[in-house]
C-alpha atoms as a PDB file:
ATOM      1  CA  MET A   1      24.618  22.019  25.316  1.00  0.00           C
ATOM      2  CA  LYS A   2      25.166  19.898  22.925  1.00  0.00           C
ATOM      3  CA  ILE A   3      22.681  16.505  21.583  1.00  0.00           C
ATOM      4  CA  GLY A   4      23.353  14.071  19.790  1.00  0.00           C
ATOM      5  CA  LEU A   5      20.977  11.141  18.977  1.00  0.00           C
ATOM      6  CA  VAL A   6      21.639   7.765  18.112  1.00  0.00           C
ATOM      7  CA  ILE A   7      19.561   4.975  15.826  1.00  0.00           C
ATOM      8  CA  ILE A   8      20.008   1.810  16.151  1.00  0.00           C
ATOM      9  CA  VAL A   9      18.175  -1.554  14.971  1.00  0.00           C
ATOM     10  CA  ASN A  10      17.094  -4.768  16.165  1.00  0.00           C
ATOM     11  CA  PHE A  11      18.042  -5.896  19.384  1.00  0.00           C
ATOM     12  CA  GLU A  12      18.846  -9.413  20.119  1.00  0.00           C
ATOM     13  CA  TYR A  13      21.578  -9.478  23.551  1.00  0.00           C
ATOM     14  CA  TRP A  14      22.720  -7.879  25.770  1.00  0.00           C
ATOM     15  CA  GLN A  15      25.816  -8.863  28.752  1.00  0.00           C
ATOM     16  CA  ASN A  16      24.974  -7.189  32.200  1.00  0.00           C
ATOM     17  CA  GLU A  17      28.193  -6.601  34.584  1.00  0.00           C
ATOM     18  CA  MET A  18      28.942 -10.083  35.343  1.00  0.00           C
ATOM     19  CA  ASN A  19      29.326 -10.490  31.366  1.00  0.00           C
ATOM     20  CA  LYS A  20      26.716 -13.513  31.272  1.00  0.00           C
ATOM     21  CA  GLU A  21      24.195 -12.888  28.785  1.00  0.00           C
ATOM     22  CA  VAL A  22      20.298 -11.498  28.830  1.00  0.00           C
ATOM     23  CA  LYS A  23      17.831 -12.225  26.462  1.00  0.00           C
ATOM     24  CA  LEU A  24      15.293  -9.448  25.523  1.00  0.00           C
ATOM     25  CA  ASP A  25      12.821 -10.001  23.822  1.00  0.00           C
ATOM     26  CA  THR A  26      10.494  -7.710  24.746  1.00  0.00           C
ATOM     27  CA  ILE A  27      10.411  -4.241  26.043  1.00  0.00           C
ATOM     28  CA  ALA A  28       9.046  -5.450  29.482  1.00  0.00           C
ATOM     29  CA  GLY A  29      12.011  -7.434  29.189  1.00  0.00           C
ATOM     30  CA  ILE A  30      14.317  -4.654  28.902  1.00  0.00           C
ATOM     31  CA  HIS A  31      13.037  -2.833  31.813  1.00  0.00           C
ATOM     32  CA  ARG A  32      13.081  -6.192  34.495  1.00  0.00           C
ATOM     33  CA  ALA A  33      16.867  -5.564  33.050  1.00  0.00           C
ATOM     34  CA  TYR A  34      16.916  -2.180  34.565  1.00  0.00           C
ATOM     35  CA  ASN A  35      14.608  -2.741  37.979  1.00  0.00           C
ATOM     36  CA  LEU A  36      12.256  -0.388  36.036  1.00  0.00           C
ATOM     37  CA  PRO A  37       8.068  -0.251  36.700  1.00  0.00           C
ATOM     38  CA  GLY A  38       6.721  -2.268  33.306  1.00  0.00           C
ATOM     39  CA  PRO A  39       6.279   0.078  30.389  1.00  0.00           C
ATOM     40  CA  ALA A  40       3.485   2.123  29.376  1.00  0.00           C
ATOM     41  CA  HIS A  41       3.231   0.482  26.194  1.00  0.00           C
ATOM     42  CA  PRO A  42       4.502  -3.119  24.757  1.00  0.00           C
ATOM     43  CA  LEU A  43       5.624  -2.565  22.265  1.00  0.00           C
ATOM     44  CA  ILE A  44       7.769   1.276  22.638  1.00  0.00           C
ATOM     45  CA  THR A  45       9.232   2.744  25.688  1.00  0.00           C
ATOM     46  CA  MET A  46      11.777   5.634  26.845  1.00  0.00           C
ATOM     47  CA  LEU A  47      14.326   5.371  28.708  1.00  0.00           C
ATOM     48  CA  ASP A  48      15.973   8.583  30.692  1.00  0.00           C
ATOM     49  CA  PHE A  49      19.803   8.323  31.943  1.00  0.00           C
ATOM     50  CA  SER A  50      19.055  10.656  34.499  1.00  0.00           C
ATOM     51  CA  ASP A  51      16.614   7.988  36.261  1.00  0.00           C
ATOM     52  CA  ASN A  52      18.480   6.856  39.179  1.00  0.00           C
ATOM     53  CA  SER A  53      17.518   3.239  38.310  1.00  0.00           C
ATOM     54  CA  LEU A  54      19.655   3.291  34.955  1.00  0.00           C
ATOM     55  CA  LYS A  55      22.874   4.995  37.075  1.00  0.00           C
ATOM     56  CA  MET A  56      22.672   2.186  39.342  1.00  0.00           C
ATOM     57  CA  CYS A  57      23.192  -0.155  36.384  1.00  0.00           C
ATOM     58  CA  GLY A  58      26.573   0.680  35.700  1.00  0.00           C
ATOM     59  CA  LYS A  59      28.586  -0.055  32.295  1.00  0.00           C
ATOM     60  CA  LEU A  60      26.161  -1.076  29.401  1.00  0.00           C
ATOM     61  CA  GLU A  61      28.066  -4.097  28.328  1.00  0.00           C
ATOM     62  CA  SER A  62      28.955  -4.797  24.550  1.00  0.00           C
ATOM     63  CA  HIS A  63      25.113  -6.630  23.080  1.00  0.00           C
ATOM     64  CA  VAL A  64      23.468  -7.196  19.744  1.00  0.00           C
ATOM     65  CA  LEU A  65      20.864  -5.509  18.633  1.00  0.00           C
ATOM     66  CA  ASN A  66      17.401  -6.637  18.397  1.00  0.00           C
ATOM     67  CA  PHE A  67      14.815  -3.346  19.061  1.00  0.00           C
ATOM     68  CA  TYR A  68      14.872   0.029  17.488  1.00  0.00           C
ATOM     69  CA  LYS A  69      16.957   2.169  19.533  1.00  0.00           C
ATOM     70  CA  ILE A  70      17.209   5.712  19.309  1.00  0.00           C
ATOM     71  CA  LEU A  71      18.957   7.538  21.674  1.00  0.00           C
ATOM     72  CA  LEU A  72      19.151  11.246  22.918  1.00  0.00           C
ATOM     73  CA  VAL A  73      22.935  12.134  23.803  1.00  0.00           C
ATOM     74  CA  THR A  74      23.470  14.984  25.811  1.00  0.00           C
ATOM     75  CA  ARG A  75      26.638  13.605  27.415  1.00  0.00           C
ATOM     76  CA  TYR A  76      28.346  10.636  26.899  1.00  0.00           C
ATOM     77  CA  SER A  77      31.814   9.515  28.799  1.00  0.00           C
ATOM     78  CA  GLY A  78      33.689   6.764  27.332  1.00  0.00           C
ATOM     79  CA  LYS A  79      33.915   4.729  24.231  1.00  0.00           C
ATOM     80  CA  PHE A  80      30.951   3.603  22.221  1.00  0.00           C
ATOM     81  CA  ILE A  81      31.727  -0.306  21.063  1.00  0.00           C
ATOM     82  CA  TYR A  82      30.839  -0.675  17.781  1.00  0.00           C
ATOM     83  CA  GLY A  83      31.481  -4.129  16.016  1.00  0.00           C
ATOM     84  CA  GLN A  84      34.779  -5.183  17.067  1.00  0.00           C
ATOM     85  CA  GLY A  85      35.993  -1.378  17.052  1.00  0.00           C
ATOM     86  CA  TYR A  86      35.989   1.444  19.717  1.00  0.00           C
ATOM     87  CA  TYR A  87      34.481   5.041  19.059  1.00  0.00           C
ATOM     88  CA  ASP A  88      35.133   7.744  20.903  1.00  0.00           C
ATOM     89  CA  PHE A  89      31.458   9.290  20.848  1.00  0.00           C
ATOM     90  CA  ASP A  90      31.168  12.913  19.953  1.00  0.00           C
ATOM     91  CA  GLU A  91      28.800  14.539  21.282  1.00  0.00           C
ATOM     92  CA  GLY A  92      26.059  16.122  19.161  1.00  0.00           C
ATOM     93  CA  SER A  93      26.061  13.323  16.675  1.00  0.00           C
ATOM     94  CA  MET A  94      23.592  11.016  15.647  1.00  0.00           C
ATOM     95  CA  LEU A  95      24.950   7.308  14.116  1.00  0.00           C
ATOM     96  CA  PHE A  96      22.554   4.489  13.227  1.00  0.00           C
ATOM     97  CA  ALA A  97      23.033   0.542  13.219  1.00  0.00           C
ATOM     98  CA  ALA A  98      21.192  -1.999  11.568  1.00  0.00           C
ATOM     99  CA  PRO A  99      20.078  -5.379  12.983  1.00  0.00           C
ATOM    100  CA  LYS A 100      22.503  -8.125  14.612  1.00  0.00           C
ATOM    101  CA  GLN A 101      25.189  -5.757  14.734  1.00  0.00           C
ATOM    102  CA  LEU A 102      27.288  -5.323  18.282  1.00  0.00           C
ATOM    103  CA  VAL A 103      27.346  -1.864  19.786  1.00  0.00           C
ATOM    104  CA  GLY A 104      27.985  -1.334  23.526  1.00  0.00           C
ATOM    105  CA  SER A 105      29.761   0.988  25.921  1.00  0.00           C
ATOM    106  CA  THR A 106      32.960   1.410  28.439  1.00  0.00           C
ATOM    107  CA  GLY A 107      31.622   4.329  30.280  1.00  0.00           C
ATOM    108  CA  ASN A 108      28.799   4.001  32.985  1.00  0.00           C
ATOM    109  CA  PHE A 109      25.177   5.905  32.920  1.00  0.00           C
ATOM    110  CA  ALA A 110      25.897   8.283  35.417  1.00  0.00           C
ATOM    111  CA  ASP A 111      28.103   9.700  33.015  1.00  0.00           C
ATOM    112  CA  HIS A 112      25.754  10.143  30.220  1.00  0.00           C
ATOM    113  CA  GLN A 113      23.081  12.413  29.890  1.00  0.00           C
ATOM    114  CA  GLY A 114      20.246  11.520  27.341  1.00  0.00           C
ATOM    115  CA  TYR A 115      16.892   9.601  26.286  1.00  0.00           C
ATOM    116  CA  SER A 116      16.970   6.428  24.861  1.00  0.00           C
ATOM    117  CA  LEU A 117      13.547   5.535  22.598  1.00  0.00           C
ATOM    118  CA  LEU A 118      12.958   1.674  22.442  1.00  0.00           C
ATOM    119  CA  ILE A 119      10.943   0.493  19.646  1.00  0.00           C
ATOM    120  CA  HIS A 120      10.055  -3.095  19.157  1.00  0.00           C
ATOM    121  CA  PRO A 121       9.834  -4.815  15.521  1.00  0.00           C
ATOM    122  CA  ASP A 122       6.287  -5.558  15.371  1.00  0.00           C
ATOM    123  CA  PHE A 123       5.379  -1.499  15.890  1.00  0.00           C
ATOM    124  CA  LEU A 124       6.158  -0.353  12.620  1.00  0.00           C
ATOM    125  CA  LEU A 125       3.665  -3.502  11.271  1.00  0.00           C
ATOM    126  CA  GLY A 126       1.374  -2.331   8.871  1.00  0.00           C
ATOM    127  CA  TYR A 127       3.250   1.076   7.866  1.00  0.00           C
ATOM    128  CA  PRO A 128       5.216   1.405   4.965  1.00  0.00           C
ATOM    129  CA  LEU A 129       8.084   2.153   7.465  1.00  0.00           C
ATOM    130  CA  VAL A 130       8.887  -1.481   8.358  1.00  0.00           C
ATOM    131  CA  ARG A 131      10.250  -1.705   4.933  1.00  0.00           C
ATOM    132  CA  LYS A 132      11.735   2.193   4.161  1.00  0.00           C
ATOM    133  CA  ILE A 133      13.740   1.648   6.887  1.00  0.00           C
ATOM    134  CA  LYS A 134      15.136  -0.712   5.939  1.00  0.00           C
ATOM    135  CA  GLN A 135      16.615   0.787   2.449  1.00  0.00           C
ATOM    136  CA  LEU A 136      18.367   3.661   4.501  1.00  0.00           C
ATOM    137  CA  GLY A 137      22.027   3.091   4.145  1.00  0.00           C
ATOM    138  CA  PHE A 138      22.599   4.980   7.133  1.00  0.00           C
ATOM    139  CA  PHE A 139      21.620   1.852   9.132  1.00  0.00           C
ATOM    140  CA  SER A 140      24.861  -0.035   8.450  1.00  0.00           C
ATOM    141  CA  TYR A 141      27.449   2.935   8.606  1.00  0.00           C
ATOM    142  CA  ALA A 142      30.195   2.266  11.192  1.00  0.00           C
ATOM    143  CA  ALA A 143      30.583   3.986  14.052  1.00  0.00           C
ATOM    144  CA  ASN A 144      33.184   6.470  12.214  1.00  0.00           C
ATOM    145  CA  GLU A 145      30.642   7.295   9.821  1.00  0.00           C
ATOM    146  CA  ALA A 146      28.425   9.290  12.488  1.00  0.00           C
ATOM    147  CA  LEU A 147      26.714  11.944  11.352  1.00  0.00           C
ATOM    148  CA  HIS A 148      27.446  15.426  12.824  1.00  0.00           C
ATOM    149  CA  LEU A 149      24.838  17.625  13.894  1.00  0.00           C
ATOM    150  CA  SER A 150      24.798  22.241  13.431  1.00  0.00           C
ATOM    151  CA  GLU A 151      23.530  23.676  16.376  1.00  0.00           C
ATOM    152  CA  GLN A 152      20.148  24.329  14.364  1.00  0.00           C
ATOM    153  CA  GLU A 153      20.008  20.685  13.175  1.00  0.00           C
ATOM    154  CA  LYS A 154      20.129  19.902  16.546  1.00  0.00           C
ATOM    155  CA  ALA A 155      17.485  22.127  17.658  1.00  0.00           C
ATOM    156  CA  THR A 156      15.699  20.623  15.129  1.00  0.00           C
ATOM    157  CA  ILE A 157      16.236  16.692  15.878  1.00  0.00           C
ATOM    158  CA  ALA A 158      15.660  17.585  19.805  1.00  0.00           C
ATOM    159  CA  SER A 159      12.030  19.394  18.633  1.00  0.00           C
ATOM    160  CA  ILE A 160      11.115  15.883  17.323  1.00  0.00           C
ATOM    161  CA  TYR A 161      12.617  13.624  19.638  1.00  0.00           C
ATOM    162  CA  ASN A 162      10.305  16.167  22.591  1.00  0.00           C
ATOM    163  CA  ILE A 163       7.311  14.964  20.772  1.00  0.00           C
ATOM    164  CA  ILE A 164       7.681  11.924  20.833  1.00  0.00           C
ATOM    165  CA  ARG A 165       8.734  12.110  24.389  1.00  0.00           C
ATOM    166  CA  ASN A 166       5.505  13.944  25.070  1.00  0.00           C
ATOM    167  CA  GLU A 167       3.203  11.576  23.134  1.00  0.00           C
ATOM    168  CA  LEU A 168       4.575   8.485  25.023  1.00  0.00           C
ATOM    169  CA  ASN A 169       4.150  10.605  28.513  1.00  0.00           C
ATOM    170  CA  SER A 170       0.293  11.609  27.369  1.00  0.00           C
ATOM    171  CA  ARG A 171      -2.524   8.949  27.695  1.00  0.00           C
ATOM    172  CA  ILE A 172      -1.872   6.410  24.776  1.00  0.00           C
ATOM    173  CA  ASP A 173      -5.103   6.284  22.461  1.00  0.00           C
ATOM    174  CA  ASP A 174      -6.391   5.361  19.373  1.00  0.00           C
ATOM    175  CA  PHE A 175      -4.228   8.321  17.699  1.00  0.00           C
ATOM    176  CA  SER A 176      -0.614   7.777  19.677  1.00  0.00           C
ATOM    177  CA  HIS A 177       0.465   4.557  17.807  1.00  0.00           C
ATOM    178  CA  GLU A 178       0.253   6.825  14.076  1.00  0.00           C
ATOM    179  CA  VAL A 179       1.511  10.273  15.364  1.00  0.00           C
ATOM    180  CA  ILE A 180       4.812   8.615  16.746  1.00  0.00           C
ATOM    181  CA  ILE A 181       5.459   6.612  13.607  1.00  0.00           C
ATOM    182  CA  ALA A 182       5.300   9.999  11.409  1.00  0.00           C
ATOM    183  CA  GLN A 183       7.591  12.002  13.857  1.00  0.00           C
ATOM    184  CA  ILE A 184       9.992   8.785  13.346  1.00  0.00           C
ATOM    185  CA  GLU A 185       9.258   8.746   9.807  1.00  0.00           C
ATOM    186  CA  LEU A 186      10.213  12.675  10.054  1.00  0.00           C
ATOM    187  CA  LEU A 187      13.160  11.757  11.832  1.00  0.00           C
ATOM    188  CA  LEU A 188      15.077   9.972   9.186  1.00  0.00           C
ATOM    189  CA  SER A 189      14.419  12.426   6.511  1.00  0.00           C
ATOM    190  CA  TYR A 190      16.475  14.573   8.209  1.00  0.00           C
ATOM    191  CA  ALA A 191      18.892  12.702   8.764  1.00  0.00           C
ATOM    192  CA  LYS A 192      18.803  11.971   5.011  1.00  0.00           C
ATOM    193  CA  ARG A 193      19.400  15.582   4.387  1.00  0.00           C
ATOM    194  CA  PHE A 194      21.653  16.414   7.153  1.00  0.00           C
ATOM    195  CA  TYR A 195      23.940  13.075   5.839  1.00  0.00           C
ATOM    196  CA  LYS A 196      23.769  14.690   2.317  1.00  0.00           C
ATOM    197  CA  ARG A 197      24.589  17.943   3.774  1.00  0.00           C
ATOM    198  CA  GLN A 198      27.478  16.580   5.565  1.00  0.00           C
ATOM    199  CA  PHE A 199      28.983  15.209   2.525  1.00  0.00           C
ATOM    200  CA  LEU A 200      28.875  18.243   0.695  1.00  0.00           C
ATOM    201  CA  THR A 201      30.429  20.350   3.542  1.00  0.00           C
ATOM    202  CA  ARG A 202      33.269  18.172   4.730  1.00  0.00           C
ATOM    203  CA  LYS A 203      35.182  19.177   1.318  1.00  0.00           C
ATOM    204  CA  VAL A 204      38.822  18.158   2.879  1.00  0.00           C
ATOM    205  CA  ILE A 205      37.541  14.811   3.605  1.00  0.00           C
ATOM    206  CA  SER A 206      35.590  14.717   0.310  1.00  0.00           C
ATOM    207  CA  ASN A 207      38.121  16.023  -1.766  1.00  0.00           C
ATOM    208  CA  ASP A 208      40.536  13.080  -0.402  1.00  0.00           C
ATOM    209  CA  LEU A 209      37.857  10.457  -0.883  1.00  0.00           C
ATOM    210  CA  LEU A 210      37.744  11.480  -4.590  1.00  0.00           C
ATOM    211  CA  GLU A 211      41.542  11.521  -5.151  1.00  0.00           C
ATOM    212  CA  LYS A 212      41.953   8.564  -3.140  1.00  0.00           C
ATOM    213  CA  LEU A 213      39.546   6.253  -5.040  1.00  0.00           C
ATOM    214  CA  GLU A 214      40.964   7.657  -8.584  1.00  0.00           C
ATOM    215  CA  ASP A 215      44.412   6.377  -7.194  1.00  0.00           C
ATOM    216  CA  LEU A 216      42.905   3.544  -6.242  1.00  0.00           C
ATOM    217  CA  LEU A 217      41.121   2.223  -8.787  1.00  0.00           C
ATOM    218  CA  GLU A 218      44.096   3.522 -11.319  1.00  0.00           C
ATOM    219  CA  GLN A 219      46.631   0.983  -9.360  1.00  0.00           C
ATOM    220  CA  TYR A 220      44.618  -2.017  -9.424  1.00  0.00           C
ATOM    221  CA  PHE A 221      44.075  -2.044 -13.479  1.00  0.00           C
ATOM    222  CA  ASN A 222      47.631  -0.774 -13.361  1.00  0.00           C
ATOM    223  CA  GLU A 223      48.835  -4.074 -11.830  1.00  0.00           C
ATOM    224  CA  LYS A 224      47.511  -6.167 -15.033  1.00  0.00           C
ATOM    225  CA  ASN A 225      46.451  -9.241 -13.038  1.00  0.00           C
ATOM    226  CA  THR A 226      42.497  -8.146 -13.205  1.00  0.00           C
ATOM    227  CA  SER A 227      42.234 -10.978 -15.316  1.00  0.00           C
ATOM    228  CA  SER A 228      42.659 -12.927 -12.339  1.00  0.00           C
ATOM    229  CA  GLN A 229      41.236 -10.704  -9.712  1.00  0.00           C
ATOM    230  CA  GLY A 230      38.187  -9.946 -11.768  1.00  0.00           C
ATOM    231  CA  ILE A 231      36.434  -6.288 -11.466  1.00  0.00           C
ATOM    232  CA  PRO A 232      37.407  -4.694  -8.225  1.00  0.00           C
ATOM    233  CA  THR A 233      33.722  -4.587  -6.199  1.00  0.00           C
ATOM    234  CA  VAL A 234      32.075  -1.817  -4.299  1.00  0.00           C
ATOM    235  CA  GLN A 235      33.181  -4.157  -0.938  1.00  0.00           C
ATOM    236  CA  PHE A 236      36.998  -4.268  -1.895  1.00  0.00           C
ATOM    237  CA  ILE A 237      37.271  -0.692  -2.581  1.00  0.00           C
ATOM    238  CA  ALA A 238      35.332   0.675   0.628  1.00  0.00           C
ATOM    239  CA  ASP A 239      37.667  -2.144   2.897  1.00  0.00           C
ATOM    240  CA  LYS A 240      40.603  -0.076   1.115  1.00  0.00           C
ATOM    241  CA  LEU A 241      39.108   3.290   1.867  1.00  0.00           C
ATOM    242  CA  ASN A 242      37.520   2.391   5.762  1.00  0.00           C
ATOM    243  CA  TYR A 243      34.209   2.584   4.802  1.00  0.00           C
ATOM    244  CA  THR A 244      31.295   0.542   4.916  1.00  0.00           C
ATOM    245  CA  SER A 245      29.780   0.333   1.244  1.00  0.00           C
ATOM    246  CA  ASN A 246      26.840   1.992   1.892  1.00  0.00           C
ATOM    247  CA  TYR A 247      28.673   5.072   3.384  1.00  0.00           C
ATOM    248  CA  LEU A 248      30.940   4.971   0.232  1.00  0.00           C
ATOM    249  CA  SER A 249      28.331   5.027  -1.827  1.00  0.00           C
ATOM    250  CA  ASP A 250      26.029   7.982  -0.631  1.00  0.00           C
ATOM    251  CA  MET A 251      29.211  10.142   0.007  1.00  0.00           C
ATOM    252  CA  LEU A 252      30.192   9.674  -3.642  1.00  0.00           C
ATOM    253  CA  ARG A 253      26.858   9.880  -5.048  1.00  0.00           C
ATOM    254  CA  ALA A 254      26.480  13.240  -3.069  1.00  0.00           C
ATOM    255  CA  LEU A 255      29.446  14.255  -4.436  1.00  0.00           C
ATOM    256  CA  THR A 256      29.298  13.351  -7.857  1.00  0.00           C
ATOM    257  CA  GLY A 257      26.021  11.961  -8.563  1.00  0.00           C
ATOM    258  CA  LEU A 258      27.180   8.770  -9.090  1.00  0.00           C
ATOM    259  CA  ASN A 259      27.438   5.954  -6.717  1.00  0.00           C
ATOM    260  CA  ALA A 260      30.689   3.647  -5.832  1.00  0.00           C
ATOM    261  CA  GLN A 261      29.264   0.763  -8.848  1.00  0.00           C
ATOM    262  CA  GLN A 262      29.169   3.482 -11.081  1.00  0.00           C
ATOM    263  CA  HIS A 263      32.785   5.131 -10.427  1.00  0.00           C
ATOM    264  CA  ILE A 264      33.874   1.411 -10.917  1.00  0.00           C
ATOM    265  CA  HIS A 265      32.030   1.107 -14.402  1.00  0.00           C
ATOM    266  CA  LEU A 266      32.776   4.232 -15.521  1.00  0.00           C
ATOM    267  CA  LYS A 267      37.002   3.452 -14.955  1.00  0.00           C
ATOM    268  CA  LEU A 268      36.115   0.393 -16.745  1.00  0.00           C
ATOM    269  CA  ILE A 269      35.023   1.869 -19.426  1.00  0.00           C
ATOM    270  CA  GLU A 270      37.712   4.579 -19.596  1.00  0.00           C
ATOM    271  CA  ARG A 271      40.627   1.671 -19.545  1.00  0.00           C
ATOM    272  CA  SER A 272      38.591  -0.308 -22.207  1.00  0.00           C
ATOM    273  CA  LYS A 273      38.421   2.719 -24.846  1.00  0.00           C
ATOM    274  CA  GLU A 274      42.217   2.460 -23.885  1.00  0.00           C
ATOM    275  CA  LEU A 275      42.337  -0.581 -25.240  1.00  0.00           C
ATOM    276  CA  LEU A 276      40.256  -0.581 -27.801  1.00  0.00           C
ATOM    277  CA  THR A 277      41.953   2.057 -29.701  1.00  0.00           C
ATOM    278  CA  THR A 278      45.747   1.606 -28.386  1.00  0.00           C
ATOM    279  CA  THR A 279      46.279  -2.145 -29.378  1.00  0.00           C
ATOM    280  CA  ASP A 280      44.709  -4.631 -31.631  1.00  0.00           C
ATOM    281  CA  LYS A 281      43.331  -6.877 -28.953  1.00  0.00           C
ATOM    282  CA  ALA A 282      40.626  -8.588 -29.904  1.00  0.00           C
ATOM    283  CA  ILE A 283      37.049  -7.828 -27.952  1.00  0.00           C
ATOM    284  CA  ASN A 284      37.658 -10.949 -25.472  1.00  0.00           C
ATOM    285  CA  GLU A 285      41.029 -10.379 -24.647  1.00  0.00           C
ATOM    286  CA  VAL A 286      40.033  -7.280 -24.064  1.00  0.00           C
ATOM    287  CA  ALA A 287      37.349  -8.312 -21.673  1.00  0.00           C
ATOM    288  CA  PHE A 288      39.054 -10.665 -19.933  1.00  0.00           C
ATOM    289  CA  GLN A 289      42.453  -8.300 -18.925  1.00  0.00           C
ATOM    290  CA  LEU A 290      39.451  -5.927 -17.403  1.00  0.00           C
ATOM    291  CA  GLY A 291      38.475  -8.828 -15.291  1.00  0.00           C
ATOM    292  CA  PHE A 292      35.042  -9.966 -16.888  1.00  0.00           C
ATOM    293  CA  GLU A 293      34.464 -13.586 -16.941  1.00  0.00           C
ATOM    294  CA  TYR A 294      32.808 -13.404 -19.861  1.00  0.00           C
ATOM    295  CA  PRO A 295      33.178 -11.269 -23.044  1.00  0.00           C
ATOM    296  CA  GLN A 296      29.418 -10.710 -23.352  1.00  0.00           C
ATOM    297  CA  SER A 297      28.906  -9.353 -19.786  1.00  0.00           C
ATOM    298  CA  PHE A 298      31.872  -6.438 -21.324  1.00  0.00           C
ATOM    299  CA  THR A 299      29.777  -6.079 -24.591  1.00  0.00           C
ATOM    300  CA  ARG A 300      26.553  -5.432 -22.530  1.00  0.00           C
ATOM    301  CA  LEU A 301      27.719  -2.584 -20.256  1.00  0.00           C
ATOM    302  CA  PHE A 302      30.253  -0.884 -22.711  1.00  0.00           C
ATOM    303  CA  LYS A 303      26.853  -0.828 -24.849  1.00  0.00           C
ATOM    304  CA  ILE A 304      25.093   0.490 -22.335  1.00  0.00           C
ATOM    305  CA  LYS A 305      27.472   3.366 -21.114  1.00  0.00           C
ATOM    306  CA  THR A 306      28.548   4.266 -24.770  1.00  0.00           C
ATOM    307  CA  LYS A 307      25.248   3.746 -26.732  1.00  0.00           C
ATOM    308  CA  MET A 308      27.600   1.297 -29.015  1.00  0.00           C
ATOM    309  CA  SER A 309      29.426  -1.738 -29.153  1.00  0.00           C
ATOM    310  CA  PRO A 310      33.156  -2.157 -28.262  1.00  0.00           C
ATOM    311  CA  LEU A 311      33.714  -2.667 -32.488  1.00  0.00           C
ATOM    312  CA  GLN A 312      31.730   0.258 -33.619  1.00  0.00           C
ATOM    313  CA  PHE A 313      33.427   2.237 -31.264  1.00  0.00           C
ATOM    314  CA  ARG A 314      37.135   0.839 -32.170  1.00  0.00           C
ATOM    315  CA  SER A 315      36.200   1.299 -35.897  1.00  0.00           C
ATOM    316  CA  GLN A 316      34.586   5.224 -35.811  1.00  0.00           C
ATOM    317  CA  PHE A 317      37.850   5.749 -33.745  1.00  0.00           C
ATOM    318  CA  LYS A 318      39.743   4.375 -36.833  1.00  0.00           C
ATOM    319  CA  GLN A 319      37.754   6.255 -38.980  1.00  0.00           C
ATOM    320  CA  HIS A 320      39.261   9.483 -37.810  1.00  0.00           C
END
């Protein structure tokens, strides 16, 4: 049996089968939308897709998030809506989405298997997790950048999920909140580890990415219009490679130890060294050709990366 996990943050609106937007600001509001009894806790709940009430809900239309949502999937039919696109959800995957992102499903609850843990943002207040979760890049990955779990990884994720479920099904006491927070943090820590494993083990995709990145940067600087376009941004590179900027940087960091911005800087320094040693262009001309708006910015970056100024580098080279 395949198991997957989806973590989705900040659940704001959602549409019913009549395409009427329903604003869900509370956990209780979610229960009312599904015709379920009131939640045991006002800030957190778990929905079971095997529940007959959920099966009667039919299709979950696209919606924008305003709650944390952790979905454990054992079976998923239809397509997963993410932004303006659709994704054939791979059973046995983890998917993370940031606040205000559009998600949904073209399938029916009757065809799904799994559990959905919904958490109001206030549930995290007073804990370091409220800040940590905002620093995790995979919450802004796209759906086609999902984390694919091995069998052992699935078992690890499932065991954490079961602890949270059992805690919610037990009598809520003074320690319940702390225990659940700890399990969510553990879950996210494993997600970071598993994503790094995915970056390193998917060699064909990774090598292809590095090759495409090099070709793209080479082409960009060879067009000789960087003076008008400026220095390529991480977002520009990510769009060209069909990745989100966070996923691109995290994958590159796992593969090479450098994020996307650092790869751009490496190419800039490489090209600047060529211009400094093969032409007599002034430093400001080199800077403008590379796309820098101010020569001082180029000089500062060059000194950071090479421990010497462009003039020092040029004079040192010419001494040989």
